[in-house]
N, C-alpha and C. Protein backbone atom coordinates (compact mmCIF):
# COMPACT_ATOMS: atom_id res chain seq x y z
N UNK A 1 -27.74 -35.36 92.26
CA UNK A 1 -28.92 -35.82 91.53
C UNK A 1 -29.24 -37.26 91.87
N UNK A 2 -30.48 -37.56 91.87
CA UNK A 2 -30.92 -38.90 92.23
C UNK A 2 -30.71 -39.88 91.07
N UNK A 3 -30.19 -41.01 91.39
CA UNK A 3 -30.03 -42.06 90.38
C UNK A 3 -30.83 -43.30 90.79
N UNK A 4 -31.83 -43.09 91.67
CA UNK A 4 -32.57 -44.24 92.19
C UNK A 4 -33.55 -44.83 91.19
N UNK A 5 -33.82 -44.12 90.11
CA UNK A 5 -34.75 -44.60 89.09
C UNK A 5 -33.96 -44.98 87.85
N UNK A 6 -34.22 -46.18 87.33
CA UNK A 6 -33.53 -46.58 86.10
C UNK A 6 -34.28 -46.01 84.90
N UNK A 7 -33.55 -45.67 83.88
CA UNK A 7 -34.14 -45.10 82.67
C UNK A 7 -33.30 -45.48 81.47
N UNK A 8 -33.90 -45.43 80.29
CA UNK A 8 -33.21 -45.83 79.07
C UNK A 8 -32.76 -44.63 78.23
N UNK A 9 -33.36 -43.47 78.49
CA UNK A 9 -33.05 -42.29 77.69
C UNK A 9 -33.18 -41.06 78.57
N UNK A 10 -32.30 -40.09 78.35
CA UNK A 10 -32.33 -38.84 79.10
C UNK A 10 -32.41 -37.67 78.15
N UNK A 11 -33.25 -36.70 78.50
CA UNK A 11 -33.36 -35.46 77.73
C UNK A 11 -33.10 -34.31 78.68
N UNK A 12 -32.09 -33.49 78.36
CA UNK A 12 -31.76 -32.33 79.19
C UNK A 12 -32.35 -31.09 78.55
N UNK A 13 -33.37 -30.53 79.18
CA UNK A 13 -34.02 -29.34 78.64
C UNK A 13 -33.69 -28.10 79.49
N UNK A 14 -32.57 -28.15 80.17
CA UNK A 14 -32.14 -27.03 81.00
C UNK A 14 -32.10 -25.74 80.18
N UNK A 15 -32.67 -24.69 80.76
CA UNK A 15 -32.67 -23.39 80.09
C UNK A 15 -33.86 -23.17 79.18
N UNK A 16 -34.62 -24.22 78.90
CA UNK A 16 -35.77 -24.08 78.01
C UNK A 16 -37.05 -23.82 78.81
N UNK A 17 -37.90 -22.98 78.27
CA UNK A 17 -39.19 -22.67 78.90
C UNK A 17 -40.29 -23.47 78.22
N UNK A 18 -41.34 -23.72 78.98
CA UNK A 18 -42.49 -24.42 78.45
C UNK A 18 -43.06 -23.67 77.24
N UNK A 19 -43.47 -24.36 76.22
CA UNK A 19 -43.74 -25.80 76.16
C UNK A 19 -42.59 -26.66 75.65
N UNK A 20 -41.41 -26.10 75.46
CA UNK A 20 -40.31 -26.88 74.86
C UNK A 20 -39.92 -28.14 75.63
N UNK A 21 -39.82 -28.12 76.98
CA UNK A 21 -39.49 -29.38 77.66
C UNK A 21 -40.53 -30.48 77.41
N UNK A 22 -41.80 -30.11 77.39
CA UNK A 22 -42.85 -31.10 77.12
C UNK A 22 -42.73 -31.62 75.69
N UNK A 23 -42.51 -30.74 74.75
CA UNK A 23 -42.40 -31.16 73.34
C UNK A 23 -41.21 -32.09 73.14
N UNK A 24 -40.08 -31.76 73.77
CA UNK A 24 -38.90 -32.63 73.64
C UNK A 24 -39.13 -33.98 74.31
N UNK A 25 -39.83 -33.96 75.44
CA UNK A 25 -40.15 -35.22 76.13
C UNK A 25 -41.07 -36.08 75.28
N UNK A 26 -42.08 -35.44 74.68
CA UNK A 26 -43.03 -36.17 73.83
C UNK A 26 -42.31 -36.83 72.66
N UNK A 27 -41.38 -36.10 72.04
CA UNK A 27 -40.62 -36.62 70.91
C UNK A 27 -39.73 -37.79 71.36
N UNK A 28 -39.10 -37.65 72.52
CA UNK A 28 -38.23 -38.71 73.03
C UNK A 28 -39.02 -39.95 73.43
N UNK A 29 -40.21 -39.76 74.01
CA UNK A 29 -41.05 -40.89 74.39
C UNK A 29 -41.40 -41.75 73.18
N UNK A 30 -41.54 -41.11 72.03
CA UNK A 30 -41.90 -41.83 70.80
C UNK A 30 -40.78 -42.75 70.33
N UNK A 31 -39.55 -42.54 70.85
CA UNK A 31 -38.41 -43.34 70.40
C UNK A 31 -38.11 -44.52 71.31
N UNK A 32 -38.80 -44.61 72.46
CA UNK A 32 -38.56 -45.73 73.37
C UNK A 32 -39.76 -46.67 73.39
N UNK A 33 -39.53 -47.86 73.92
CA UNK A 33 -40.58 -48.88 73.92
C UNK A 33 -41.51 -48.73 75.11
N UNK A 34 -42.69 -49.28 74.98
CA UNK A 34 -43.68 -49.28 76.05
C UNK A 34 -43.07 -49.89 77.32
N UNK A 35 -43.27 -49.21 78.46
CA UNK A 35 -42.73 -49.70 79.72
C UNK A 35 -41.37 -49.15 80.07
N UNK A 36 -40.68 -48.57 79.09
CA UNK A 36 -39.37 -47.98 79.36
C UNK A 36 -39.54 -46.57 79.94
N UNK A 37 -38.49 -46.11 80.62
CA UNK A 37 -38.57 -44.84 81.34
C UNK A 37 -37.66 -43.79 80.70
N UNK A 38 -38.21 -42.59 80.57
CA UNK A 38 -37.50 -41.43 80.07
C UNK A 38 -37.20 -40.51 81.24
N UNK A 39 -35.98 -40.00 81.30
CA UNK A 39 -35.59 -39.05 82.34
C UNK A 39 -35.47 -37.68 81.69
N UNK A 40 -36.16 -36.69 82.24
CA UNK A 40 -36.15 -35.33 81.68
C UNK A 40 -35.67 -34.36 82.74
N UNK A 41 -34.62 -33.60 82.41
CA UNK A 41 -34.08 -32.58 83.31
C UNK A 41 -34.64 -31.24 82.89
N UNK A 42 -35.21 -30.49 83.84
CA UNK A 42 -35.78 -29.19 83.53
C UNK A 42 -35.31 -28.13 84.52
N UNK A 43 -35.32 -26.87 84.06
CA UNK A 43 -35.03 -25.75 84.95
C UNK A 43 -36.20 -24.78 85.02
N UNK A 44 -37.19 -24.95 84.17
CA UNK A 44 -38.39 -24.11 84.18
C UNK A 44 -39.18 -24.39 85.45
N UNK A 45 -39.47 -23.33 86.22
CA UNK A 45 -40.17 -23.53 87.50
C UNK A 45 -41.58 -24.09 87.33
N UNK A 46 -42.18 -23.94 86.17
CA UNK A 46 -43.52 -24.46 85.92
C UNK A 46 -43.52 -25.91 85.47
N UNK A 47 -42.35 -26.48 85.24
CA UNK A 47 -42.26 -27.82 84.65
C UNK A 47 -42.88 -28.91 85.52
N UNK A 48 -42.80 -28.76 86.84
CA UNK A 48 -43.35 -29.80 87.72
C UNK A 48 -44.85 -29.98 87.44
N UNK A 49 -45.59 -28.87 87.45
CA UNK A 49 -47.03 -28.95 87.16
C UNK A 49 -47.28 -29.34 85.71
N UNK A 50 -46.45 -28.83 84.80
CA UNK A 50 -46.62 -29.14 83.38
C UNK A 50 -46.48 -30.64 83.12
N UNK A 51 -45.48 -31.27 83.74
CA UNK A 51 -45.28 -32.70 83.52
C UNK A 51 -46.37 -33.53 84.19
N UNK A 52 -46.92 -33.04 85.30
CA UNK A 52 -48.04 -33.74 85.93
C UNK A 52 -49.25 -33.71 84.99
N UNK A 53 -49.51 -32.56 84.39
CA UNK A 53 -50.64 -32.43 83.46
C UNK A 53 -50.39 -33.26 82.20
N UNK A 54 -49.16 -33.23 81.69
CA UNK A 54 -48.81 -34.00 80.49
C UNK A 54 -49.03 -35.49 80.74
N UNK A 55 -48.61 -35.96 81.91
CA UNK A 55 -48.77 -37.37 82.25
C UNK A 55 -50.25 -37.76 82.30
N UNK A 56 -51.05 -36.92 82.93
CA UNK A 56 -52.49 -37.19 83.04
C UNK A 56 -53.16 -37.21 81.66
N UNK A 57 -52.76 -36.30 80.79
CA UNK A 57 -53.38 -36.21 79.47
C UNK A 57 -52.96 -37.35 78.55
N UNK A 58 -51.69 -37.76 78.63
CA UNK A 58 -51.18 -38.76 77.69
C UNK A 58 -51.22 -40.18 78.23
N UNK A 59 -51.50 -40.33 79.53
CA UNK A 59 -51.52 -41.64 80.20
C UNK A 59 -50.14 -42.28 80.25
N UNK A 60 -49.07 -41.49 80.05
CA UNK A 60 -47.72 -41.97 80.31
C UNK A 60 -47.47 -41.74 81.80
N UNK A 61 -47.11 -42.80 82.52
CA UNK A 61 -46.99 -42.70 83.98
C UNK A 61 -45.82 -41.81 84.40
N UNK A 62 -46.09 -40.87 85.29
CA UNK A 62 -45.06 -40.05 85.89
C UNK A 62 -44.57 -40.83 87.11
N UNK A 63 -43.46 -41.54 86.94
CA UNK A 63 -42.95 -42.44 87.97
C UNK A 63 -42.46 -41.65 89.18
N UNK A 64 -41.76 -40.53 88.93
CA UNK A 64 -41.22 -39.72 90.02
C UNK A 64 -40.85 -38.34 89.50
N UNK A 65 -40.77 -37.40 90.44
CA UNK A 65 -40.25 -36.07 90.16
C UNK A 65 -39.32 -35.72 91.31
N UNK A 66 -38.07 -35.47 90.99
CA UNK A 66 -37.10 -35.05 92.00
C UNK A 66 -36.94 -33.54 91.89
N UNK A 67 -37.32 -32.81 92.92
CA UNK A 67 -37.23 -31.36 92.92
C UNK A 67 -35.84 -30.96 93.42
N UNK A 68 -35.16 -30.16 92.62
CA UNK A 68 -33.81 -29.71 92.94
C UNK A 68 -33.80 -28.18 93.04
N UNK A 69 -32.71 -27.63 93.60
CA UNK A 69 -32.59 -26.17 93.64
C UNK A 69 -32.58 -25.58 92.24
N UNK A 70 -31.95 -26.29 91.32
CA UNK A 70 -31.79 -25.79 89.95
C UNK A 70 -32.99 -26.08 89.05
N UNK A 71 -33.92 -26.89 89.54
CA UNK A 71 -35.07 -27.26 88.72
C UNK A 71 -35.66 -28.57 89.18
N UNK A 72 -35.85 -29.49 88.24
CA UNK A 72 -36.43 -30.79 88.59
C UNK A 72 -36.01 -31.85 87.59
N UNK A 73 -36.14 -33.09 88.03
CA UNK A 73 -35.89 -34.25 87.16
C UNK A 73 -37.17 -35.08 87.18
N UNK A 74 -37.67 -35.38 85.99
CA UNK A 74 -38.93 -36.09 85.84
C UNK A 74 -38.66 -37.45 85.21
N UNK A 75 -39.37 -38.47 85.69
CA UNK A 75 -39.25 -39.81 85.15
C UNK A 75 -40.59 -40.24 84.60
N UNK A 76 -40.66 -40.41 83.29
CA UNK A 76 -41.91 -40.77 82.61
C UNK A 76 -41.79 -42.18 82.04
N UNK A 77 -42.75 -43.02 82.38
CA UNK A 77 -42.79 -44.38 81.82
C UNK A 77 -43.76 -44.37 80.64
N UNK A 78 -43.24 -44.80 79.48
CA UNK A 78 -44.09 -44.82 78.29
C UNK A 78 -45.18 -45.86 78.44
N UNK A 79 -46.39 -45.47 78.06
CA UNK A 79 -47.52 -46.40 78.17
C UNK A 79 -47.48 -47.42 77.06
C-alpha cells in the first residue's frame, strides 16, 4: 500500500458496498479540520467513481486514489 500521502485519519470500509463507504467518509471528514486529509480504504469496485463524484459534489479535494487489486485507497482533503 502506498504511504506517499500524509493523512490524519483512516477509515477502513473493506467489505462494505456503496453508499456505506461514502457515508463513513462523510462522517469522518466532519471530525477533522479544514485542510487535513482523510484516508479511506475500499473494496467496492464502484468506489473509485463514487469518491470522484462525492468530491465534486462536496468540494472536498480528492488528493489521490491508489488502485489496488483488492480495491482502492482514497485521500480526501477536507475543504
